[in-house]
Amino acid sequence: MSTQDQLFITLVKLRQNPSTDMMCGIFDLAHSTFLDVFSRWLDLMYANISFLIKWPDGECIRSTVPAEVLFQYPRVTAIIDCFEIRIEHSKKLKTRAITYSKYKNWTTVKYFIACHPSGSITYLSKGWGGRASDVHIVRNSDFLSQKFHHAGDQLITPSFTRGRKQLSAEDVANSRVTSNIRIHIESHWCPEEPGPHSGWPTSSAPGEETAG
C-alpha cells in the first residue's frame, strides 16, 4: 500500500469513523493490517503535525457556535468532560491499583477532553490511571493555564444538592439545559451509550463562559 493511501485511510477513519469491518471491506485489507497502519500513522501525525492544532480565538468560536447553544450560553468557548477506557488488568499490583476505577469497577485509563460547541475536539489531556479523580486530572492539566484561558473566565456545572434536600426549580431547569449540552461532547467518546461521568465544567475567554 502506498504512503498516500495509508495516510488517506487514516484520515477517513478520523473524520468519518466508519467501523473497522467497513474500512477493511472498502480498502480490501486484513484487520491486522488496517490497525497497524492506523496506529502507526497516528503516531507519525502526532509527532510531526500536532503543532497545527491550535486553540481557536473567542471571535472564531462565537462565529461557529450552534444556535441552540448560543442562545443558552452566548459566550461559551468549550464543553469539557472526563471519560474512561477499560484496559486489561496489569500483572503489577502497583499499576493495577493506580488504574483501578471504583466507578467502572475495573482497571481503566482516563482522559480529560474539551470540545468546541460545534463539535470539534480542541483539547485532550495525557492519560491517567482510573484511580485519578476528574478534579485532579483537570487541575494537573494545562487546560486552566493562560495558554487557553484568562482572568474572568467562568465555569458552568450542573447543580448539586450539597446539603440541601432537593434542588430548586430554577436549579433543576438550569441543570437540564447544561446536561443537554453535555451530550454534545459525549458523542465523541461514547457514540452509542451516554456515559454518566462526573461534572463537566466549561471554560471561556475573558469574561466568557465554559460549559461542562
Protein backbone atom coordinates (compact mmCIF):
# COMPACT_ATOMS: atom_id res chain seq x y z
CA MET A 1 0.00 0.00 0.00
CA SER A 2 1.38 3.41 -0.95
CA THR A 3 2.20 6.04 1.65
CA GLN A 4 -0.54 8.26 0.21
CA ASP A 5 -3.15 5.50 0.60
CA GLN A 6 -2.08 4.83 4.19
CA LEU A 7 -2.50 8.48 5.07
CA PHE A 8 -5.84 8.61 3.25
CA ILE A 9 -7.42 5.70 5.15
CA THR A 10 -6.15 7.16 8.42
CA LEU A 11 -7.82 10.49 7.67
CA VAL A 12 -11.04 8.76 6.60
CA LYS A 13 -11.14 6.86 9.89
CA LEU A 14 -10.50 10.02 11.90
CA ARG A 15 -13.04 12.12 10.02
CA GLN A 16 -15.92 9.70 9.45
CA ASN A 17 -15.13 6.94 11.99
CA PRO A 18 -16.56 4.03 9.99
CA SER A 19 -16.28 0.61 11.61
CA THR A 20 -13.09 -1.39 11.21
CA ASP A 21 -15.04 -4.03 9.27
CA MET A 22 -16.26 -1.39 6.82
CA MET A 23 -12.78 0.08 6.37
CA CYS A 24 -11.29 -3.35 5.72
CA GLY A 25 -14.04 -4.17 3.24
CA ILE A 26 -13.73 -0.90 1.31
CA PHE A 27 -9.93 -0.99 1.08
CA ASP A 28 -9.59 -4.80 0.93
CA LEU A 29 -7.37 -5.02 3.99
CA ALA A 30 -6.92 -7.55 6.76
CA HIS A 31 -7.91 -6.29 10.22
CA SER A 32 -4.36 -6.55 11.49
CA THR A 33 -3.03 -4.57 8.52
CA PHE A 34 -5.56 -1.78 8.93
CA LEU A 35 -4.97 -1.48 12.68
CA ASP A 36 -1.20 -1.44 12.17
CA VAL A 37 -1.42 1.30 9.52
CA PHE A 38 -3.85 3.39 11.55
CA SER A 39 -1.83 3.16 14.78
CA ARG A 40 1.45 3.93 13.01
CA TRP A 41 0.06 6.98 11.24
CA LEU A 42 -1.48 8.34 14.41
CA ASP A 43 1.97 8.30 15.99
CA LEU A 44 3.53 9.92 12.91
CA MET A 45 0.91 12.65 12.73
CA TYR A 46 1.20 13.41 16.44
CA ALA A 47 4.99 13.67 16.22
CA ASN A 48 5.04 15.83 13.10
CA ILE A 49 1.90 17.95 12.80
CA SER A 50 0.44 18.30 16.29
CA PHE A 51 1.51 21.97 16.21
CA LEU A 52 -1.28 22.57 13.69
CA ILE A 53 -3.88 22.01 16.41
CA LYS A 54 -4.48 25.42 17.96
CA TRP A 55 -6.98 26.78 20.42
CA PRO A 56 -9.40 28.99 18.42
CA ASP A 57 -9.83 32.60 19.50
CA GLY A 58 -13.08 33.85 21.01
CA GLU A 59 -14.32 35.53 17.84
CA CYS A 60 -13.77 32.39 15.78
CA ILE A 61 -15.58 30.26 18.36
CA ARG A 62 -18.61 32.53 18.63
CA SER A 63 -19.00 32.75 14.87
CA THR A 64 -19.44 28.96 14.62
CA VAL A 65 -21.40 28.14 17.80
CA PRO A 66 -24.69 26.31 17.04
CA ALA A 67 -27.76 28.50 17.58
CA GLU A 68 -29.23 26.29 20.32
CA VAL A 69 -26.01 26.56 22.35
CA LEU A 70 -25.51 30.24 21.60
CA PHE A 71 -29.00 31.03 22.89
CA GLN A 72 -28.33 29.47 26.30
CA TYR A 73 -24.62 30.33 26.63
CA PRO A 74 -23.74 33.24 24.31
CA ARG A 75 -20.11 33.39 25.47
CA VAL A 76 -19.32 29.68 25.71
CA THR A 77 -15.94 28.57 24.37
CA ALA A 78 -15.62 24.91 25.34
CA ILE A 79 -17.53 21.93 26.67
CA ILE A 80 -15.42 19.63 28.83
CA ASP A 81 -15.66 16.19 30.38
CA CYS A 82 -13.61 13.19 31.50
CA PHE A 83 -14.02 9.71 30.06
CA GLU A 84 -12.59 6.27 30.82
CA ILE A 85 -11.43 3.40 28.64
CA ARG A 86 -11.34 -0.12 30.07
CA ILE A 87 -7.95 -1.86 29.89
CA GLU A 88 -6.59 -5.27 30.81
CA HIS A 89 -5.50 -5.87 34.39
CA SER A 90 -1.77 -5.37 34.86
CA LYS A 91 0.26 -8.13 36.45
CA LYS A 92 1.96 -5.49 38.61
CA LEU A 93 -0.06 -4.77 41.75
CA LYS A 94 1.03 -1.11 41.92
CA THR A 95 -0.04 -0.45 38.34
CA ARG A 96 -3.31 -2.26 38.90
CA ALA A 97 -4.00 -0.08 41.96
CA ILE A 98 -3.29 3.13 40.04
CA THR A 99 -5.56 2.16 37.15
CA TYR A 100 -8.44 0.69 39.16
CA SER A 101 -11.62 2.75 38.79
CA LYS A 102 -14.26 2.48 41.51
CA TYR A 103 -16.79 3.97 39.13
CA LYS A 104 -16.22 1.32 36.45
CA ASN A 105 -15.24 -1.42 38.93
CA TRP A 106 -12.41 -2.24 36.53
CA THR A 107 -8.96 -1.03 35.50
CA THR A 108 -9.17 1.96 33.16
CA VAL A 109 -7.26 4.80 31.55
CA LYS A 110 -8.85 8.20 32.00
CA TYR A 111 -8.71 11.33 29.82
CA PHE A 112 -9.86 14.93 30.07
CA ILE A 113 -11.35 16.27 26.84
CA ALA A 114 -12.60 19.65 25.62
CA CYS A 115 -14.75 20.19 22.58
CA HIS A 116 -15.76 23.28 20.62
CA PRO A 117 -19.54 23.89 20.70
CA SER A 118 -19.68 22.98 17.01
CA GLY A 119 -18.29 19.53 17.79
CA SER A 120 -14.56 19.57 17.02
CA ILE A 121 -12.16 18.36 19.72
CA THR A 122 -9.90 21.18 20.89
CA TYR A 123 -8.08 19.62 23.85
CA LEU A 124 -7.13 16.15 25.07
CA SER A 125 -5.06 15.53 28.19
CA LYS A 126 -2.46 12.84 28.69
CA GLY A 127 -3.78 9.56 30.03
CA TRP A 128 -4.25 8.96 33.75
CA GLY A 129 -4.95 5.82 35.74
CA GLY A 130 -8.64 5.29 36.52
CA ARG A 131 -7.97 5.95 40.19
CA ALA A 132 -7.40 9.68 39.50
CA SER A 133 -10.40 11.93 40.08
CA ASP A 134 -11.76 14.26 37.40
CA VAL A 135 -10.83 17.28 39.52
CA HIS A 136 -7.23 16.06 39.93
CA ILE A 137 -6.84 15.49 36.20
CA VAL A 138 -8.21 18.93 35.29
CA ARG A 139 -6.08 20.73 37.89
CA ASN A 140 -2.92 18.98 36.71
CA SER A 141 -3.51 19.65 33.02
CA ASP A 142 -2.50 22.89 31.31
CA PHE A 143 -6.11 23.48 30.29
CA LEU A 144 -6.58 26.01 33.11
CA SER A 145 -3.41 27.91 32.22
CA GLN A 146 -3.25 31.30 30.50
CA LYS A 147 -2.43 29.42 27.31
CA PHE A 148 -6.14 28.71 26.99
CA HIS A 149 -7.90 30.99 29.45
CA HIS A 150 -7.77 34.36 31.14
CA ALA A 151 -8.92 36.09 34.29
CA GLY A 152 -12.69 36.45 34.32
CA ASP A 153 -13.46 33.12 32.67
CA GLN A 154 -16.37 31.25 34.20
CA LEU A 155 -17.05 27.59 34.86
CA ILE A 156 -20.62 26.31 34.49
CA THR A 157 -21.54 22.95 36.01
CA PRO A 158 -24.75 21.07 36.79
CA SER A 159 -26.25 21.91 40.19
CA PHE A 160 -25.76 19.65 43.22
CA THR A 161 -27.78 19.43 46.42
CA ARG A 162 -24.75 19.91 48.71
CA GLY A 163 -26.60 19.62 51.97
CA ARG A 164 -29.99 20.60 50.60
CA LYS A 165 -32.78 18.05 50.48
CA GLN A 166 -33.58 18.90 46.87
CA LEU A 167 -32.75 21.37 44.12
CA SER A 168 -34.86 24.43 43.47
CA ALA A 169 -36.99 24.55 40.32
CA GLU A 170 -34.55 27.05 38.80
CA ASP A 171 -31.55 24.81 39.53
CA VAL A 172 -33.33 21.83 38.01
CA ALA A 173 -34.13 23.78 34.84
CA ASN A 174 -30.57 25.12 34.52
CA SER A 175 -29.07 21.68 35.12
CA ARG A 176 -31.29 20.19 32.44
CA VAL A 177 -30.03 22.73 29.90
CA THR A 178 -26.42 22.10 30.89
CA SER A 179 -26.86 18.33 30.71
CA ASN A 180 -28.40 18.56 27.25
CA ILE A 181 -25.33 20.41 26.02
CA ARG A 182 -23.09 17.83 27.67
CA ILE A 183 -24.48 15.19 25.33
CA HIS A 184 -22.74 17.16 22.59
CA ILE A 185 -19.30 16.09 23.79
CA GLU A 186 -20.21 12.56 24.87
CA SER A 187 -20.90 11.66 21.24
CA HIS A 188 -17.14 11.87 20.61
CA TRP A 189 -16.05 9.27 23.12
CA CYS A 190 -19.20 7.19 23.56
CA PRO A 191 -21.37 7.41 20.42
CA GLU A 192 -23.65 4.52 21.36
CA GLU A 193 -24.06 4.90 25.08
CA PRO A 194 -24.43 8.11 27.11
CA GLY A 195 -21.88 7.91 29.92
CA PRO A 196 -22.84 9.34 33.31
CA HIS A 197 -19.42 10.66 34.23
CA SER A 198 -18.75 13.33 36.78
CA GLY A 199 -19.38 17.03 36.33
CA TRP A 200 -18.34 18.73 33.17
CA PRO A 201 -17.25 22.33 33.63
CA THR A 202 -16.99 24.76 30.79
CA SER A 203 -14.34 27.29 30.10
CA SER A 204 -14.29 30.61 28.31
CA ALA A 205 -12.19 33.51 27.21
CA PRO A 206 -12.03 36.69 29.37
CA GLY A 207 -15.49 37.17 30.78
CA GLU A 208 -16.74 34.24 28.75
CA GLU A 209 -18.39 31.00 29.77
CA THR A 210 -17.33 27.41 29.58
CA ALA A 211 -19.90 24.65 29.81
CA GLY A 212 -19.01 21.41 31.47
